[in-house]
Amino acid sequence: MSLQARFQLSRGDFTLQAEFSAPAQGITALFGPSGCGKTTLLRCIAGLEPGARGSVQLGQTTWQDAHTFVPVHRRGIGYVFQEANLFAHLSVRNNLLYGYRRSGGDQGGVDPERIIQLLGIDQLQDRSVQNLSGGERQRVAIGRALLSAPQLLLMDEPLAALDRESKNAIMACLQQLSQELAIPVLYVSHDHSEVAQLAQQMIMLDGGRVQATGPVIELLNRLDLPLAHAPDAETIVEGIINAHDERYGLSYLEFAGGRLTVTQADLPVGQTVRVRLQARDISLTLSQQTDTSILNIFPVTIEAIVEEPPAQQLVILDANGATLLARITRKSAEYLKLAVGKQVYAQVKSVALV
């Protein structure tokens, strides 16, 4: 089962001409710079752009094609905007009940109490939405959308206006909700750190067209795409927590390239996690260092070296099947005589769970 969409829409000097297929499960990010067409494409899928030509199908259900146009309210879509757009005259409880009533009480496997618990809004139900913080308002908006039991959830930069603490809290909720609910999510963002933390799949847009689609972990490393060349380029690897070190406040996890040490996480042994490794935090040595404060050191093989003017090089590394990026100076690369196929050691200064 998949979500398939193809749309064309012209508005002034801008033309959207986008086509993609995405899994009908988990979170798929629509990623790209401001003005590239992410929100317009989301509105097309929702049926909010009647002038758009094209088609959209979720599994065997067609919402739009050359002969069909299902109106917005009959598409079974939940929509969360950048602004919460709550009903100001209603309490938190009644805003949530609005979503519940839209579903006709048929929750399709969605447990209302569980959603309220996961979003941390149980204690807010009697309050006026006008007295909520920005983060609380967005939690209520997400809850209202989910309680409508949607077949598809669309989220248009829902965290863009929030502070970092509120963002982190809601992202943790979304991760948990994604694991527990069988509702596919299309998540619009221009923040690749959000995408790396939340999404399994990514659709990259630029100038109204789809640049690439695929797993987030793969697209972050592709040299023909801009993310690998950004100053804050990073890679994501998956690993399994295999031990905690209470004495030093550390957790150890195994990934394809060996063992990684991270700040202790309140997660069970055996839990699969993602970690972020920034290219600028990885240095290279010809031999394994022992007299160093860096804990994360493992062998890698150089797959490619790319010039990054004026004075840097991007080195693509293979850690036994896991791809990493290292950004070093051209002088260092020449001094170490780096070449494709050469085995070196990666020293990772900073590792963060996502």
Protein backbone atom coordinates (compact mmCIF):
# COMPACT_ATOMS: atom_id res chain seq x y z
CA MET A 1 0.00 0.00 0.00
CA SER A 2 1.34 3.43 -0.96
CA LEU A 3 0.45 7.08 -1.41
CA GLN A 4 0.82 8.12 -5.04
CA ALA A 5 0.50 11.72 -6.18
CA ARG A 6 1.05 13.63 -9.41
CA PHE A 7 0.15 17.31 -9.71
CA GLN A 8 0.67 20.31 -11.95
CA LEU A 9 -0.30 23.81 -10.92
CA SER A 10 0.80 27.22 -12.22
CA ARG A 11 0.54 30.35 -10.14
CA GLY A 12 2.22 33.50 -11.46
CA ASP A 13 5.88 32.75 -12.12
CA PHE A 14 5.79 29.52 -10.12
CA THR A 15 4.91 26.10 -11.53
CA LEU A 16 4.47 22.97 -9.47
CA GLN A 17 5.09 19.82 -11.47
CA ALA A 18 5.61 17.05 -8.96
CA GLU A 19 5.13 13.29 -8.89
CA PHE A 20 6.01 10.83 -6.13
CA SER A 21 5.14 7.56 -4.44
CA ALA A 22 5.55 7.15 -0.68
CA PRO A 23 4.88 4.29 1.76
CA ALA A 24 1.46 4.39 3.41
CA GLN A 25 3.07 4.03 6.82
CA GLY A 26 5.47 5.96 9.03
CA ILE A 27 6.54 9.57 8.47
CA THR A 28 7.57 10.84 5.04
CA ALA A 29 9.14 14.31 4.96
CA LEU A 30 8.53 16.84 2.20
CA PHE A 31 11.83 18.72 2.38
CA GLY A 32 13.23 21.69 0.53
CA PRO A 33 13.99 25.41 0.71
CA SER A 34 11.32 28.04 1.28
CA GLY A 35 9.23 28.63 -1.81
CA CYS A 36 9.98 25.27 -3.45
CA GLY A 37 6.34 24.11 -3.41
CA LYS A 38 6.08 21.95 -0.27
CA THR A 39 2.93 23.59 1.12
CA THR A 40 1.35 23.87 -2.34
CA LEU A 41 1.86 20.14 -2.91
CA LEU A 42 0.36 19.37 0.50
CA ARG A 43 -2.68 21.52 -0.32
CA CYS A 44 -3.08 19.69 -3.64
CA ILE A 45 -3.14 16.34 -1.84
CA ALA A 46 -5.72 17.68 0.63
CA GLY A 47 -7.96 18.90 -2.20
CA LEU A 48 -7.51 22.56 -1.30
CA GLU A 49 -6.24 23.53 -4.77
CA PRO A 50 -9.15 22.81 -7.14
CA GLY A 51 -7.18 24.35 -10.02
CA ALA A 52 -4.49 21.68 -9.75
CA ARG A 53 -4.42 19.02 -12.44
CA GLY A 54 -3.30 15.54 -11.53
CA SER A 55 -4.13 12.61 -9.31
CA VAL A 56 -3.74 11.31 -5.77
CA GLN A 57 -4.40 7.80 -4.53
CA LEU A 58 -3.95 6.18 -1.12
CA GLY A 59 -3.90 2.42 -1.49
CA GLN A 60 -6.97 1.51 -3.52
CA THR A 61 -8.75 4.79 -2.72
CA THR A 62 -8.64 7.48 -5.40
CA TRP A 63 -9.29 11.03 -4.24
CA GLN A 64 -8.52 12.76 -7.52
CA ASP A 65 -7.85 11.85 -11.13
CA ALA A 66 -9.13 12.89 -14.57
CA HIS A 67 -12.65 11.71 -13.68
CA THR A 68 -12.77 12.07 -9.90
CA PHE A 69 -12.55 14.87 -7.36
CA VAL A 70 -13.41 13.93 -3.79
CA PRO A 71 -14.04 17.09 -1.72
CA VAL A 72 -11.76 17.91 1.20
CA HIS A 73 -14.15 16.87 3.97
CA ARG A 74 -14.59 13.39 2.47
CA ARG A 75 -10.93 12.52 1.97
CA GLY A 76 -10.30 11.28 5.50
CA ILE A 77 -7.35 13.64 5.95
CA GLY A 78 -6.10 15.26 9.14
CA TYR A 79 -4.30 18.59 8.64
CA VAL A 80 -2.01 20.32 11.14
CA PHE A 81 -0.86 23.80 10.12
CA GLN A 82 2.06 25.93 11.28
CA GLU A 83 -0.47 27.91 13.32
CA ALA A 84 -2.65 25.73 15.52
CA ASN A 85 -5.95 27.21 14.23
CA LEU A 86 -7.92 26.06 17.26
CA PHE A 87 -11.50 27.15 17.91
CA ALA A 88 -10.98 30.05 20.30
CA HIS A 89 -14.52 29.85 21.76
CA LEU A 90 -14.10 26.19 22.73
CA SER A 91 -12.18 24.55 25.56
CA VAL A 92 -9.36 22.11 24.92
CA ARG A 93 -11.78 19.22 25.51
CA ASN A 94 -14.30 20.55 23.01
CA ASN A 95 -11.61 21.18 20.41
CA LEU A 96 -10.60 17.54 20.79
CA LEU A 97 -14.24 16.40 20.67
CA TYR A 98 -14.63 18.25 17.38
CA GLY A 99 -12.10 15.88 15.86
CA TYR A 100 -13.80 12.90 17.50
CA ARG A 101 -17.22 13.90 16.17
CA ARG A 102 -15.81 14.29 12.66
CA SER A 103 -14.94 10.59 12.78
CA GLY A 104 -18.51 9.71 13.78
CA GLY A 105 -17.09 7.95 16.82
CA ASP A 106 -15.39 5.37 14.59
CA GLN A 107 -11.76 5.64 15.67
CA GLY A 108 -10.39 2.97 13.35
CA GLY A 109 -8.05 1.60 16.00
CA VAL A 110 -7.13 5.03 17.40
CA ASP A 111 -7.45 5.11 21.21
CA PRO A 112 -8.49 8.66 22.24
CA GLU A 113 -7.22 8.29 25.80
CA ARG A 114 -3.85 7.01 24.58
CA ILE A 115 -3.45 9.95 22.19
CA ILE A 116 -4.28 12.43 24.94
CA GLN A 117 -1.79 10.70 27.23
CA LEU A 118 1.02 10.61 24.66
CA LEU A 119 0.55 14.28 23.84
CA GLY A 120 0.56 15.21 27.52
CA ILE A 121 -2.65 17.24 27.33
CA ASP A 122 -4.87 15.39 29.82
CA GLN A 123 -4.47 18.14 32.44
CA LEU A 124 -5.33 20.84 29.87
CA GLN A 125 -8.80 19.65 28.91
CA ASP A 126 -10.78 22.14 31.00
CA ARG A 127 -8.69 25.13 29.95
CA SER A 128 -9.47 27.74 27.34
CA VAL A 129 -7.24 27.41 24.30
CA GLN A 130 -6.56 31.14 24.57
CA ASN A 131 -4.57 30.48 27.75
CA LEU A 132 -2.25 27.87 26.21
CA SER A 133 1.38 28.26 25.24
CA GLY A 134 2.42 27.76 21.61
CA GLY A 135 3.63 24.24 22.28
CA GLU A 136 0.43 23.32 24.13
CA ARG A 137 -1.70 24.70 21.30
CA GLN A 138 0.12 22.56 18.76
CA ARG A 139 -0.29 19.45 20.92
CA VAL A 140 -4.04 20.08 21.00
CA ALA A 141 -4.10 20.66 17.23
CA ILE A 142 -2.30 17.36 16.64
CA GLY A 143 -4.68 15.58 19.02
CA ARG A 144 -7.73 17.05 17.28
CA ALA A 145 -6.43 15.92 13.88
CA LEU A 146 -5.68 12.38 15.13
CA LEU A 147 -9.04 12.01 16.88
CA SER A 148 -10.73 12.48 13.51
CA ALA A 149 -9.27 9.02 12.69
CA PRO A 150 -7.67 10.16 9.43
CA GLN A 151 -6.41 7.83 6.73
CA LEU A 152 -3.57 10.31 6.16
CA LEU A 153 -2.12 13.06 8.38
CA LEU A 154 -0.66 16.17 6.73
CA MET A 155 1.62 18.38 8.84
CA ASP A 156 2.76 21.73 7.42
CA GLU A 157 5.82 22.90 9.41
CA PRO A 158 3.94 22.43 12.70
CA LEU A 159 7.00 23.23 14.83
CA ALA A 160 8.35 26.24 12.94
CA ALA A 161 7.05 28.86 15.39
CA LEU A 162 8.05 27.01 18.58
CA ASP A 163 11.09 27.32 20.82
CA ARG A 164 13.64 24.50 20.92
CA GLU A 165 12.34 22.99 24.16
CA SER A 166 8.77 22.80 22.84
CA LYS A 167 10.00 21.40 19.52
CA ASN A 168 11.96 18.63 21.20
CA ALA A 169 9.01 17.67 23.40
CA ILE A 170 6.56 17.49 20.50
CA MET A 171 9.02 15.61 18.28
CA ALA A 172 9.33 12.97 21.00
CA CYS A 173 5.52 12.70 21.03
CA LEU A 174 5.37 12.39 17.25
CA GLN A 175 8.00 9.65 17.27
CA GLN A 176 5.98 7.66 19.78
CA LEU A 177 2.71 8.26 17.94
CA SER A 178 4.29 7.14 14.67
CA GLN A 179 5.38 3.88 16.26
CA GLU A 180 1.97 3.17 17.78
CA LEU A 181 -0.46 4.36 15.11
CA ALA A 182 -0.85 2.95 11.61
CA ILE A 183 -1.49 6.40 10.12
CA PRO A 184 0.85 7.59 7.34
CA VAL A 185 2.17 11.14 7.83
CA LEU A 186 3.40 13.67 5.28
CA TYR A 187 5.54 16.17 7.20
CA VAL A 188 6.64 19.45 5.60
CA SER A 189 9.91 20.95 6.84
CA HIS A 190 12.96 22.88 5.69
CA ASP A 191 14.87 21.86 8.86
CA HIS A 192 16.92 18.75 8.12
CA SER A 193 17.49 18.10 11.84
CA GLU A 194 13.72 17.67 12.26
CA VAL A 195 13.61 15.39 9.24
CA ALA A 196 16.54 13.30 10.51
CA GLN A 197 14.83 12.81 13.85
CA LEU A 198 11.30 12.10 12.68
CA ALA A 199 11.14 10.74 9.16
CA GLN A 200 11.90 7.38 7.64
CA GLN A 201 11.41 8.53 4.03
CA MET A 202 12.06 11.86 2.34
CA ILE A 203 10.84 13.63 -0.78
CA MET A 204 13.16 16.48 -1.76
CA LEU A 205 11.61 19.39 -3.68
CA ASP A 206 13.29 22.23 -5.49
CA GLY A 207 11.69 24.75 -7.80
CA GLY A 208 8.37 22.92 -7.80
CA ARG A 209 9.87 19.59 -8.88
CA VAL A 210 10.84 16.43 -7.05
CA GLN A 211 14.63 16.13 -6.87
CA ALA A 212 14.81 12.77 -5.16
CA THR A 213 12.87 10.31 -3.03
CA GLY A 214 14.06 7.56 -0.73
CA PRO A 215 15.11 6.68 2.81
CA VAL A 216 16.31 9.68 4.82
CA ILE A 217 19.54 7.89 5.77
CA GLU A 218 20.44 7.44 2.08
CA LEU A 219 19.49 10.90 0.83
CA LEU A 220 21.57 12.66 3.49
CA ASN A 221 24.68 11.02 1.99
CA ARG A 222 24.05 11.43 -1.73
CA LEU A 223 26.70 13.59 -3.36
CA ASP A 224 24.35 14.70 -6.15
CA LEU A 225 22.07 16.34 -3.57
CA PRO A 226 22.73 19.51 -1.56
CA LEU A 227 22.47 18.12 1.98
CA ALA A 228 25.82 16.31 1.87
CA HIS A 229 27.53 19.58 0.89
CA ALA A 230 25.92 21.82 3.53
CA PRO A 231 28.18 23.29 6.25
CA ASP A 232 26.24 21.26 8.83
CA ALA A 233 26.14 18.05 6.77
CA GLU A 234 25.48 14.96 8.83
CA THR A 235 24.80 11.27 8.58
CA ILE A 236 22.33 9.14 10.48
CA VAL A 237 23.15 5.58 11.50
CA GLU A 238 20.99 3.05 13.26
CA GLY A 239 22.24 0.98 16.15
CA ILE A 240 21.07 -1.15 19.05
CA ILE A 241 21.68 -0.24 22.67
CA ASN A 242 23.56 -3.14 24.26
CA ALA A 243 24.70 -1.76 27.64
CA HIS A 244 24.55 1.15 30.08
CA ASP A 245 27.47 2.35 32.18
CA GLU A 246 26.02 3.83 35.36
CA ARG A 247 29.43 4.79 36.70
CA TYR A 248 30.23 7.15 33.82
CA GLY A 249 26.70 7.99 32.72
CA LEU A 250 27.14 6.44 29.29
CA SER A 251 25.29 4.08 26.97
CA TYR A 252 26.91 1.77 24.43
CA LEU A 253 25.33 0.81 21.15
CA GLU A 254 26.37 -1.46 18.33
CA PHE A 255 26.09 -0.38 14.71
CA ALA A 256 27.44 -1.83 11.47
CA GLY A 257 30.85 -0.19 11.99
CA GLY A 258 31.37 -1.21 15.61
CA ARG A 259 30.53 0.34 18.97
CA LEU A 260 29.43 3.91 19.69
CA THR A 261 29.49 5.57 23.10
CA VAL A 262 26.79 8.16 23.83
CA THR A 263 25.49 10.04 26.84
CA GLN A 264 23.37 7.63 28.87
CA ALA A 265 19.90 7.23 27.44
CA ASP A 266 16.82 6.25 29.41
CA LEU A 267 16.10 3.42 26.98
CA PRO A 268 16.09 -0.35 27.42
CA VAL A 269 18.91 -2.61 26.24
CA GLY A 270 17.96 -3.97 22.85
CA GLN A 271 16.22 -0.76 21.73
CA THR A 272 16.98 0.32 18.15
CA VAL A 273 17.97 3.99 17.98
CA ARG A 274 19.25 6.55 15.50
CA VAL A 275 22.36 8.62 16.08
CA ARG A 276 23.51 11.77 14.32
CA LEU A 277 27.15 12.20 13.31
CA GLN A 278 28.09 15.58 11.86
CA ALA A 279 30.74 15.65 9.16
CA ARG A 280 32.64 18.45 10.88
CA ASP A 281 32.92 16.32 14.07
CA ILE A 282 34.72 13.41 12.34
CA SER A 283 38.50 13.47 11.99
CA LEU A 284 40.70 10.86 10.33
CA THR A 285 43.93 9.13 11.38
CA LEU A 286 46.14 6.57 9.69
CA SER A 287 46.41 4.42 12.83
CA GLN A 288 44.16 3.82 15.80
CA GLN A 289 44.90 6.35 18.51
CA THR A 290 45.03 5.29 22.16
CA ASP A 291 46.28 8.45 23.90
CA THR A 292 43.17 10.53 23.16
CA SER A 293 40.03 11.66 24.95
CA ILE A 294 37.90 10.66 21.96
CA LEU A 295 35.95 7.47 22.76
CA ASN A 296 34.43 6.72 19.36
CA ILE A 297 37.14 5.40 17.05
CA PHE A 298 36.64 2.70 14.42
CA PRO A 299 38.11 1.59 11.08
CA VAL A 300 36.63 2.91 7.84
CA THR A 301 37.41 2.72 4.14
CA ILE A 302 37.45 5.80 1.90
CA GLU A 303 34.78 5.55 -0.82
CA ALA A 304 35.14 9.00 -2.40
CA ILE A 305 36.78 12.39 -1.92
CA VAL A 306 35.07 15.55 -3.11
CA GLU A 307 36.56 19.05 -3.26
CA GLU A 308 34.66 21.60 -1.18
CA PRO A 309 36.10 25.02 -2.15
CA PRO A 310 37.96 26.93 -1.05
CA ALA A 311 40.01 24.79 1.33
CA GLN A 312 38.08 21.70 2.39
CA GLN A 313 37.36 18.20 1.22
CA LEU A 314 34.37 15.98 1.90
CA VAL A 315 35.44 12.39 2.50
CA ILE A 316 32.84 9.64 2.13
CA LEU A 317 33.55 6.69 4.39
CA ASP A 318 32.34 3.10 4.55
CA ALA A 319 32.10 1.75 8.10
CA ASN A 320 31.31 -1.87 7.29
CA GLY A 321 28.18 -0.89 5.35
CA ALA A 322 27.29 2.32 7.20
CA THR A 323 28.09 5.50 5.27
CA LEU A 324 29.69 8.43 7.10
CA LEU A 325 30.86 11.87 5.98
CA ALA A 326 33.99 13.65 7.21
CA ARG A 327 34.77 17.29 6.39
CA ILE A 328 38.49 18.02 6.67
CA THR A 329 40.92 20.56 5.22
CA ARG A 330 42.58 19.92 1.88
CA LYS A 331 45.93 20.33 3.62
CA SER A 332 45.10 17.48 6.03
CA ALA A 333 43.96 15.24 3.19
CA GLU A 334 47.22 15.79 1.32
CA TYR A 335 49.31 15.30 4.44
CA LEU A 336 47.63 11.95 5.14
CA LYS A 337 47.82 10.99 1.43
CA LEU A 338 44.17 10.05 1.44
CA ALA A 339 42.90 8.10 -1.55
CA VAL A 340 39.85 6.09 -2.53
CA GLY A 341 40.11 2.56 -1.15
CA LYS A 342 42.50 3.48 1.66
CA GLN A 343 41.65 2.24 5.16
CA VAL A 344 41.85 4.83 7.93
CA TYR A 345 40.32 5.38 11.34
CA ALA A 346 37.40 7.70 12.00
CA GLN A 347 37.44 9.65 15.27
CA VAL A 348 33.99 10.95 16.17
CA LYS A 349 34.12 13.86 18.59
CA SER A 350 30.37 14.15 19.14
CA VAL A 351 27.52 11.68 18.78
CA ALA A 352 23.87 12.55 19.49
CA LEU A 353 20.82 10.34 19.73
CA VAL A 354 17.94 11.54 17.56
